[in-house]
């Protein structure tokens, strides 16, 4: 997804990278993010390409909210 609000609910966060070189070669790759990198990626998705403290704070708050929502949902099911 391209929506940070949806990505925050995921159990695992993957990033697809694409690079095009001067030779015309294009390479793509997929990597799994750890929690620190996930906060950075969610901040980028929320605020753009700049890495700011405000963007990171919003990303952390979004992750906490999503985690709490998922926990409440599990309690309801059980």
N, C-alpha and C. Protein backbone atom coordinates (compact mmCIF):
# COMPACT_ATOMS: atom_id res chain seq x y z
N UNK A 1 0.83 -1.18 0.00
CA UNK A 1 0.00 0.00 0.00
C UNK A 1 0.88 1.24 0.00
N UNK A 2 0.33 2.31 -0.45
CA UNK A 2 1.01 3.60 -0.40
C UNK A 2 0.46 4.47 0.73
N UNK A 3 -0.43 3.91 1.53
CA UNK A 3 -1.04 4.65 2.63
C UNK A 3 -0.43 4.23 3.97
N UNK A 4 0.17 5.18 4.64
CA UNK A 4 0.80 4.89 5.93
C UNK A 4 -0.23 4.39 6.94
N UNK A 5 -1.45 4.92 6.86
CA UNK A 5 -2.50 4.52 7.80
C UNK A 5 -2.88 3.06 7.63
N UNK A 6 -2.73 2.50 6.46
CA UNK A 6 -2.99 1.08 6.22
C UNK A 6 -1.75 0.27 6.57
N UNK A 7 -0.59 0.74 6.17
CA UNK A 7 0.68 0.03 6.42
C UNK A 7 0.93 -0.16 7.91
N UNK A 8 0.48 0.76 8.74
CA UNK A 8 0.69 0.67 10.18
C UNK A 8 0.02 -0.56 10.79
N UNK A 9 -1.02 -1.07 10.15
CA UNK A 9 -1.74 -2.25 10.65
C UNK A 9 -1.11 -3.57 10.22
N UNK A 10 -0.13 -3.51 9.36
CA UNK A 10 0.48 -4.74 8.84
C UNK A 10 1.32 -5.43 9.91
N UNK A 11 1.39 -6.74 9.83
CA UNK A 11 2.24 -7.51 10.74
C UNK A 11 3.70 -7.45 10.30
N UNK A 12 3.92 -7.19 9.04
CA UNK A 12 5.27 -7.12 8.46
C UNK A 12 5.27 -5.98 7.44
N UNK A 13 6.36 -5.22 7.41
CA UNK A 13 6.45 -4.08 6.48
C UNK A 13 7.57 -4.34 5.49
N UNK A 14 7.22 -4.38 4.22
CA UNK A 14 8.18 -4.58 3.14
C UNK A 14 8.27 -3.31 2.31
N UNK A 15 9.47 -3.03 1.79
CA UNK A 15 9.67 -1.88 0.92
C UNK A 15 10.21 -2.38 -0.41
N UNK A 16 9.63 -1.89 -1.48
CA UNK A 16 10.11 -2.19 -2.83
C UNK A 16 10.91 -0.99 -3.31
N UNK A 17 12.16 -1.23 -3.67
CA UNK A 17 13.05 -0.18 -4.18
C UNK A 17 13.27 -0.38 -5.66
N UNK A 18 13.43 0.72 -6.38
CA UNK A 18 13.72 0.66 -7.81
C UNK A 18 14.79 1.69 -8.11
N UNK A 19 15.80 1.29 -8.87
CA UNK A 19 16.87 2.20 -9.26
C UNK A 19 17.13 2.04 -10.75
N UNK A 20 17.28 3.17 -11.44
CA UNK A 20 17.62 3.16 -12.86
C UNK A 20 19.00 3.80 -13.00
N UNK A 21 19.87 3.13 -13.71
CA UNK A 21 21.25 3.58 -13.86
C UNK A 21 21.45 4.25 -15.22
N UNK A 22 22.54 5.02 -15.34
CA UNK A 22 22.84 5.74 -16.58
C UNK A 22 22.98 4.80 -17.77
N UNK A 23 23.33 3.57 -17.52
CA UNK A 23 23.48 2.58 -18.59
C UNK A 23 22.14 2.11 -19.13
N UNK A 24 21.05 2.52 -18.46
CA UNK A 24 19.72 2.08 -18.87
C UNK A 24 19.23 0.88 -18.08
N UNK A 25 20.10 0.30 -17.28
CA UNK A 25 19.74 -0.86 -16.46
C UNK A 25 18.82 -0.41 -15.32
N UNK A 26 17.78 -1.17 -15.09
CA UNK A 26 16.87 -0.91 -13.97
C UNK A 26 16.88 -2.12 -13.07
N UNK A 27 17.00 -1.87 -11.77
CA UNK A 27 16.98 -2.96 -10.79
C UNK A 27 15.92 -2.67 -9.75
N UNK A 28 15.27 -3.73 -9.32
CA UNK A 28 14.26 -3.63 -8.27
C UNK A 28 14.62 -4.60 -7.16
N UNK A 29 14.19 -4.28 -5.96
CA UNK A 29 14.45 -5.16 -4.83
C UNK A 29 13.38 -4.99 -3.76
N UNK A 30 13.29 -5.98 -2.90
CA UNK A 30 12.34 -5.96 -1.79
C UNK A 30 13.12 -6.23 -0.52
N UNK A 31 12.80 -5.45 0.52
CA UNK A 31 13.46 -5.69 1.80
C UNK A 31 12.45 -5.55 2.93
N UNK A 32 12.63 -6.37 3.95
CA UNK A 32 11.79 -6.30 5.15
C UNK A 32 12.40 -5.28 6.10
N UNK A 33 11.54 -4.53 6.78
CA UNK A 33 12.00 -3.49 7.69
C UNK A 33 11.93 -3.94 9.14
N UNK A 34 12.94 -3.55 9.93
CA UNK A 34 12.85 -3.74 11.38
C UNK A 34 12.02 -2.58 11.94
N UNK A 35 11.80 -2.56 13.23
CA UNK A 35 10.91 -1.54 13.82
C UNK A 35 11.44 -0.12 13.62
N UNK A 36 12.74 0.09 13.76
CA UNK A 36 13.32 1.42 13.57
C UNK A 36 13.14 1.90 12.14
N UNK A 37 13.46 1.04 11.19
CA UNK A 37 13.31 1.39 9.78
C UNK A 37 11.84 1.58 9.42
N UNK A 38 10.98 0.83 10.07
CA UNK A 38 9.54 0.95 9.80
C UNK A 38 9.02 2.32 10.20
N UNK A 39 9.46 2.82 11.34
CA UNK A 39 9.07 4.17 11.76
C UNK A 39 9.53 5.19 10.73
N UNK A 40 10.76 5.05 10.27
CA UNK A 40 11.29 5.97 9.26
C UNK A 40 10.51 5.91 7.96
N UNK A 41 10.15 4.73 7.52
CA UNK A 41 9.40 4.58 6.28
C UNK A 41 7.98 5.12 6.42
N UNK A 42 7.33 4.86 7.54
CA UNK A 42 5.99 5.42 7.76
C UNK A 42 6.05 6.94 7.82
N UNK A 43 7.09 7.49 8.44
CA UNK A 43 7.25 8.95 8.48
C UNK A 43 7.41 9.50 7.08
N UNK A 44 8.18 8.82 6.25
CA UNK A 44 8.37 9.25 4.86
C UNK A 44 7.05 9.21 4.11
N UNK A 45 6.28 8.14 4.34
CA UNK A 45 4.99 8.01 3.67
C UNK A 45 4.01 9.10 4.11
N UNK A 46 4.09 9.49 5.38
CA UNK A 46 3.18 10.51 5.91
C UNK A 46 3.57 11.92 5.49
N UNK A 47 4.88 12.21 5.54
CA UNK A 47 5.33 13.60 5.43
C UNK A 47 6.13 13.90 4.17
N UNK A 48 6.43 12.92 3.37
CA UNK A 48 7.27 13.17 2.20
C UNK A 48 8.67 12.64 2.42
N UNK A 49 9.60 13.11 1.63
CA UNK A 49 10.95 12.55 1.64
C UNK A 49 11.82 13.03 2.79
N UNK A 50 11.50 14.17 3.40
CA UNK A 50 12.32 14.68 4.49
C UNK A 50 12.14 13.84 5.75
N UNK A 51 13.26 13.57 6.44
CA UNK A 51 13.23 12.83 7.70
C UNK A 51 13.22 13.85 8.83
N UNK A 52 12.06 14.03 9.45
CA UNK A 52 11.93 15.03 10.51
C UNK A 52 11.49 14.38 11.81
N UNK A 53 11.78 15.05 12.92
CA UNK A 53 11.34 14.56 14.22
C UNK A 53 9.81 14.50 14.30
N UNK A 54 9.16 15.50 13.72
CA UNK A 54 7.70 15.54 13.72
C UNK A 54 7.11 14.36 12.94
N UNK A 55 7.68 14.08 11.79
CA UNK A 55 7.23 12.95 10.98
C UNK A 55 7.40 11.63 11.72
N UNK A 56 8.54 11.48 12.39
CA UNK A 56 8.79 10.25 13.16
C UNK A 56 7.81 10.14 14.34
N UNK A 57 7.54 11.25 15.00
CA UNK A 57 6.59 11.23 16.13
C UNK A 57 5.20 10.82 15.65
N UNK A 58 4.79 11.34 14.51
CA UNK A 58 3.48 10.95 13.96
C UNK A 58 3.46 9.47 13.59
N UNK A 59 4.55 8.98 13.01
CA UNK A 59 4.62 7.57 12.64
C UNK A 59 4.57 6.68 13.87
N UNK A 60 5.29 7.05 14.92
CA UNK A 60 5.26 6.27 16.15
C UNK A 60 3.86 6.25 16.76
N UNK A 61 3.19 7.41 16.75
CA UNK A 61 1.83 7.48 17.27
C UNK A 61 0.88 6.62 16.44
N UNK A 62 1.05 6.63 15.13
CA UNK A 62 0.22 5.82 14.25
C UNK A 62 0.42 4.33 14.53
N UNK A 63 1.67 3.90 14.72
CA UNK A 63 1.95 2.50 15.03
C UNK A 63 1.35 2.10 16.38
N UNK A 64 1.47 2.96 17.38
CA UNK A 64 0.89 2.66 18.69
C UNK A 64 -0.63 2.52 18.60
N UNK A 65 -1.25 3.41 17.86
CA UNK A 65 -2.70 3.36 17.69
C UNK A 65 -3.13 2.08 16.96
N UNK A 66 -2.42 1.73 15.91
CA UNK A 66 -2.75 0.51 15.16
C UNK A 66 -2.55 -0.73 16.02
N UNK A 67 -1.48 -0.76 16.80
CA UNK A 67 -1.22 -1.90 17.68
C UNK A 67 -2.33 -2.04 18.71
N UNK A 68 -2.76 -0.93 19.29
CA UNK A 68 -3.84 -0.96 20.28
C UNK A 68 -5.15 -1.42 19.64
N UNK A 69 -5.44 -0.93 18.45
CA UNK A 69 -6.66 -1.36 17.74
C UNK A 69 -6.64 -2.85 17.47
N UNK A 70 -5.49 -3.36 17.02
CA UNK A 70 -5.38 -4.79 16.72
C UNK A 70 -5.54 -5.62 17.99
N UNK A 71 -4.99 -5.16 19.11
CA UNK A 71 -5.12 -5.88 20.38
C UNK A 71 -6.58 -5.92 20.83
N UNK A 72 -7.28 -4.79 20.69
CA UNK A 72 -8.70 -4.76 21.06
C UNK A 72 -9.52 -5.70 20.18
N UNK A 73 -9.18 -5.75 18.91
CA UNK A 73 -9.89 -6.63 17.99
C UNK A 73 -9.68 -8.09 18.37
N UNK A 74 -8.46 -8.45 18.76
CA UNK A 74 -8.17 -9.83 19.18
C UNK A 74 -8.95 -10.18 20.45
N UNK A 75 -9.04 -9.24 21.38
CA UNK A 75 -9.79 -9.49 22.62
C UNK A 75 -11.27 -9.72 22.32
N UNK A 76 -11.80 -8.98 21.36
CA UNK A 76 -13.20 -9.11 20.99
C UNK A 76 -13.48 -10.48 20.38
N UNK A 77 -12.56 -10.95 19.56
CA UNK A 77 -12.71 -12.25 18.90
C UNK A 77 -12.62 -13.38 19.90
N UNK A 78 -11.73 -13.26 20.87
CA UNK A 78 -11.55 -14.32 21.86
C UNK A 78 -12.69 -14.27 22.84
